Amino acid sequence: MIVTFEETYLQELYEKGTTGDKKHRYQPDIVRRYQRCIDYLLDARGTEDLMRINSLNYEMLKGDKQGISSIRVNNKYRVEFTVRETSEEPVITICNILDLSNHYK
């Protein structure tokens, strides 16, 4: 799949492992796991491949987040993204890293 990033800090976290944006700082373990999740997305041929990897907990979100999918970084964080089907291969746009402890606030 083709992966694009909605925000600059998300791309910096993936490529450099750090970001200049002070609001979006994460522990090194979370950054490594985030990078691994993006690698899974790059290697996948479609969302069906993501469903086969149980540790990702791939899900299509509902309610006010309809149209957004997510995979788990760990039990505390998830990566939210949109999937746009094209004639060649799906394009994924990474939207957010969400801290699930603030999820229901």
C-alpha atoms as a PDB file:
ATOM      1  CA  MET A   1       0.000   0.000   0.000  1.00  0.00           C
ATOM      2  CA  ILE A   2       1.041   3.606  -0.451  1.00  0.00           C
ATOM      3  CA  VAL A   3       1.308   5.549   2.819  1.00  0.00           C
ATOM      4  CA  THR A   4       0.961   9.331   3.090  1.00  0.00           C
ATOM      5  CA  PHE A   5       0.864  11.496   6.196  1.00  0.00           C
ATOM      6  CA  GLU A   6      -1.772  14.103   7.047  1.00  0.00           C
ATOM      7  CA  GLU A   7       0.520  15.951   9.463  1.00  0.00           C
ATOM      8  CA  THR A   8       4.245  16.705   9.260  1.00  0.00           C
ATOM      9  CA  TYR A   9       4.975  15.415  12.763  1.00  0.00           C
ATOM     10  CA  LEU A  10       3.620  11.964  11.825  1.00  0.00           C
ATOM     11  CA  GLN A  11       6.023  11.721   8.896  1.00  0.00           C
ATOM     12  CA  GLU A  12       8.938  12.965  11.029  1.00  0.00           C
ATOM     13  CA  LEU A  13       8.201  10.357  13.694  1.00  0.00           C
ATOM     14  CA  TYR A  14       8.298   7.632  11.066  1.00  0.00           C
ATOM     15  CA  GLU A  15      11.359   8.822   9.153  1.00  0.00           C
ATOM     16  CA  LYS A  16      13.506  10.337  11.925  1.00  0.00           C
ATOM     17  CA  GLY A  17      12.097   8.815  15.102  1.00  0.00           C
ATOM     18  CA  THR A  18      11.557  12.266  16.581  1.00  0.00           C
ATOM     19  CA  THR A  19       9.683  15.459  15.853  1.00  0.00           C
ATOM     20  CA  GLY A  20      10.296  19.142  16.442  1.00  0.00           C
ATOM     21  CA  ASP A  21       6.664  19.549  17.511  1.00  0.00           C
ATOM     22  CA  LYS A  22       6.769  19.687  21.327  1.00  0.00           C
ATOM     23  CA  LYS A  23       3.088  18.785  21.581  1.00  0.00           C
ATOM     24  CA  HIS A  24       3.676  15.385  19.965  1.00  0.00           C
ATOM     25  CA  ARG A  25       6.513  13.781  21.880  1.00  0.00           C
ATOM     26  CA  TYR A  26       6.393  10.059  22.610  1.00  0.00           C
ATOM     27  CA  GLN A  27       8.517   7.550  24.478  1.00  0.00           C
ATOM     28  CA  PRO A  28      11.166   5.788  22.315  1.00  0.00           C
ATOM     29  CA  ASP A  29       9.313   2.459  22.634  1.00  0.00           C
ATOM     30  CA  ILE A  30       6.094   4.011  21.282  1.00  0.00           C
ATOM     31  CA  VAL A  31       7.998   5.578  18.374  1.00  0.00           C
ATOM     32  CA  ARG A  32       9.589   2.211  17.472  1.00  0.00           C
ATOM     33  CA  ARG A  33       6.224   0.486  17.597  1.00  0.00           C
ATOM     34  CA  TYR A  34       4.660   3.284  15.519  1.00  0.00           C
ATOM     35  CA  GLN A  35       7.400   2.863  12.905  1.00  0.00           C
ATOM     36  CA  ARG A  36       6.768  -0.893  12.869  1.00  0.00           C
ATOM     37  CA  CYS A  37       3.029  -0.274  12.346  1.00  0.00           C
ATOM     38  CA  ILE A  38       3.757   1.985   9.368  1.00  0.00           C
ATOM     39  CA  ASP A  39       6.065  -0.712   7.960  1.00  0.00           C
ATOM     40  CA  TYR A  40       3.186  -3.210   8.235  1.00  0.00           C
ATOM     41  CA  LEU A  41       0.974  -0.787   6.306  1.00  0.00           C
ATOM     42  CA  LEU A  42       3.615  -0.352   3.607  1.00  0.00           C
ATOM     43  CA  ASP A  43       4.048  -4.124   3.221  1.00  0.00           C
ATOM     44  CA  ALA A  44       0.320  -4.931   3.130  1.00  0.00           C
ATOM     45  CA  ARG A  45      -1.428  -5.366  -0.215  1.00  0.00           C
ATOM     46  CA  GLY A  46      -4.801  -4.450   1.259  1.00  0.00           C
ATOM     47  CA  THR A  47      -6.741  -4.182   4.491  1.00  0.00           C
ATOM     48  CA  GLU A  48      -7.316  -7.943   4.401  1.00  0.00           C
ATOM     49  CA  ASP A  49      -3.597  -8.386   5.128  1.00  0.00           C
ATOM     50  CA  LEU A  50      -3.951  -6.186   8.219  1.00  0.00           C
ATOM     51  CA  MET A  51      -6.824  -8.309   9.526  1.00  0.00           C
ATOM     52  CA  ARG A  52      -4.577 -11.382   9.482  1.00  0.00           C
ATOM     53  CA  ILE A  53      -2.087  -9.803  11.938  1.00  0.00           C
ATOM     54  CA  ASN A  54      -3.861 -10.194  15.276  1.00  0.00           C
ATOM     55  CA  SER A  55      -1.489  -7.919  17.228  1.00  0.00           C
ATOM     56  CA  LEU A  56      -2.556  -4.916  15.106  1.00  0.00           C
ATOM     57  CA  ASN A  57      -6.228  -5.214  16.158  1.00  0.00           C
ATOM     58  CA  TYR A  58      -7.287  -3.665  12.847  1.00  0.00           C
ATOM     59  CA  GLU A  59     -10.746  -2.128  13.019  1.00  0.00           C
ATOM     60  CA  MET A  60     -12.971   0.219  11.061  1.00  0.00           C
ATOM     61  CA  LEU A  61     -14.229   2.891  13.424  1.00  0.00           C
ATOM     62  CA  LYS A  62     -17.886   3.796  13.869  1.00  0.00           C
ATOM     63  CA  GLY A  63     -19.947   6.794  14.897  1.00  0.00           C
ATOM     64  CA  ASP A  64     -18.326  10.198  14.436  1.00  0.00           C
ATOM     65  CA  LYS A  65     -15.162   8.493  13.143  1.00  0.00           C
ATOM     66  CA  GLN A  66     -16.880   6.539  10.393  1.00  0.00           C
ATOM     67  CA  GLY A  67     -14.588   6.146   7.374  1.00  0.00           C
ATOM     68  CA  ILE A  68     -11.477   5.965   9.566  1.00  0.00           C
ATOM     69  CA  SER A  69      -9.623   2.733  10.330  1.00  0.00           C
ATOM     70  CA  SER A  70      -7.160   2.033  13.114  1.00  0.00           C
ATOM     71  CA  ILE A  71      -4.440  -0.336  14.215  1.00  0.00           C
ATOM     72  CA  ARG A  72      -2.949  -0.627  17.686  1.00  0.00           C
ATOM     73  CA  VAL A  73       0.555   0.541  18.499  1.00  0.00           C
ATOM     74  CA  ASN A  74       0.156  -1.055  21.930  1.00  0.00           C
ATOM     75  CA  ASN A  75      -2.618  -1.232  24.545  1.00  0.00           C
ATOM     76  CA  LYS A  76      -2.428   2.513  25.149  1.00  0.00           C
ATOM     77  CA  TYR A  77      -2.011   3.989  21.643  1.00  0.00           C
ATOM     78  CA  ARG A  78      -3.512   3.467  18.216  1.00  0.00           C
ATOM     79  CA  VAL A  79      -2.825   4.856  14.747  1.00  0.00           C
ATOM     80  CA  GLU A  80      -5.845   6.195  12.874  1.00  0.00           C
ATOM     81  CA  PHE A  81      -5.837   6.340   9.087  1.00  0.00           C
ATOM     82  CA  THR A  82      -8.064   6.563   6.049  1.00  0.00           C
ATOM     83  CA  VAL A  83      -7.953   4.160   3.104  1.00  0.00           C
ATOM     84  CA  ARG A  84      -8.621   5.317  -0.440  1.00  0.00           C
ATOM     85  CA  GLU A  85      -8.893   2.614  -3.076  1.00  0.00           C
ATOM     86  CA  THR A  86      -7.194   3.385  -6.405  1.00  0.00           C
ATOM     87  CA  SER A  87      -6.782   1.380  -9.581  1.00  0.00           C
ATOM     88  CA  GLU A  88      -3.180   0.435  -8.750  1.00  0.00           C
ATOM     89  CA  GLU A  89      -3.055  -0.014  -4.969  1.00  0.00           C
ATOM     90  CA  PRO A  90      -4.755   1.423  -1.882  1.00  0.00           C
ATOM     91  CA  VAL A  91      -3.514   4.767  -0.545  1.00  0.00           C
ATOM     92  CA  ILE A  92      -3.408   5.126   3.234  1.00  0.00           C
ATOM     93  CA  THR A  93      -3.308   8.544   4.877  1.00  0.00           C
ATOM     94  CA  ILE A  94      -2.072   8.481   8.462  1.00  0.00           C
ATOM     95  CA  CYS A  95      -4.282  10.882  10.447  1.00  0.00           C
ATOM     96  CA  ASN A  96      -3.383  10.580  14.100  1.00  0.00           C
ATOM     97  CA  ILE A  97      -1.717   8.758  16.968  1.00  0.00           C
ATOM     98  CA  LEU A  98      -4.374   8.558  19.635  1.00  0.00           C
ATOM     99  CA  ASP A  99      -3.750   8.028  23.349  1.00  0.00           C
ATOM    100  CA  LEU A 100      -6.602   5.717  24.346  1.00  0.00           C
ATOM    101  CA  SER A 101      -6.570   6.946  27.953  1.00  0.00           C
ATOM    102  CA  ASN A 102      -8.054  10.209  26.590  1.00  0.00           C
ATOM    103  CA  HIS A 103     -10.231   8.373  24.068  1.00  0.00           C
ATOM    104  CA  TYR A 104     -13.568   8.623  25.858  1.00  0.00           C
ATOM    105  CA  LYS A 105     -13.230  12.182  27.214  1.00  0.00           C
END
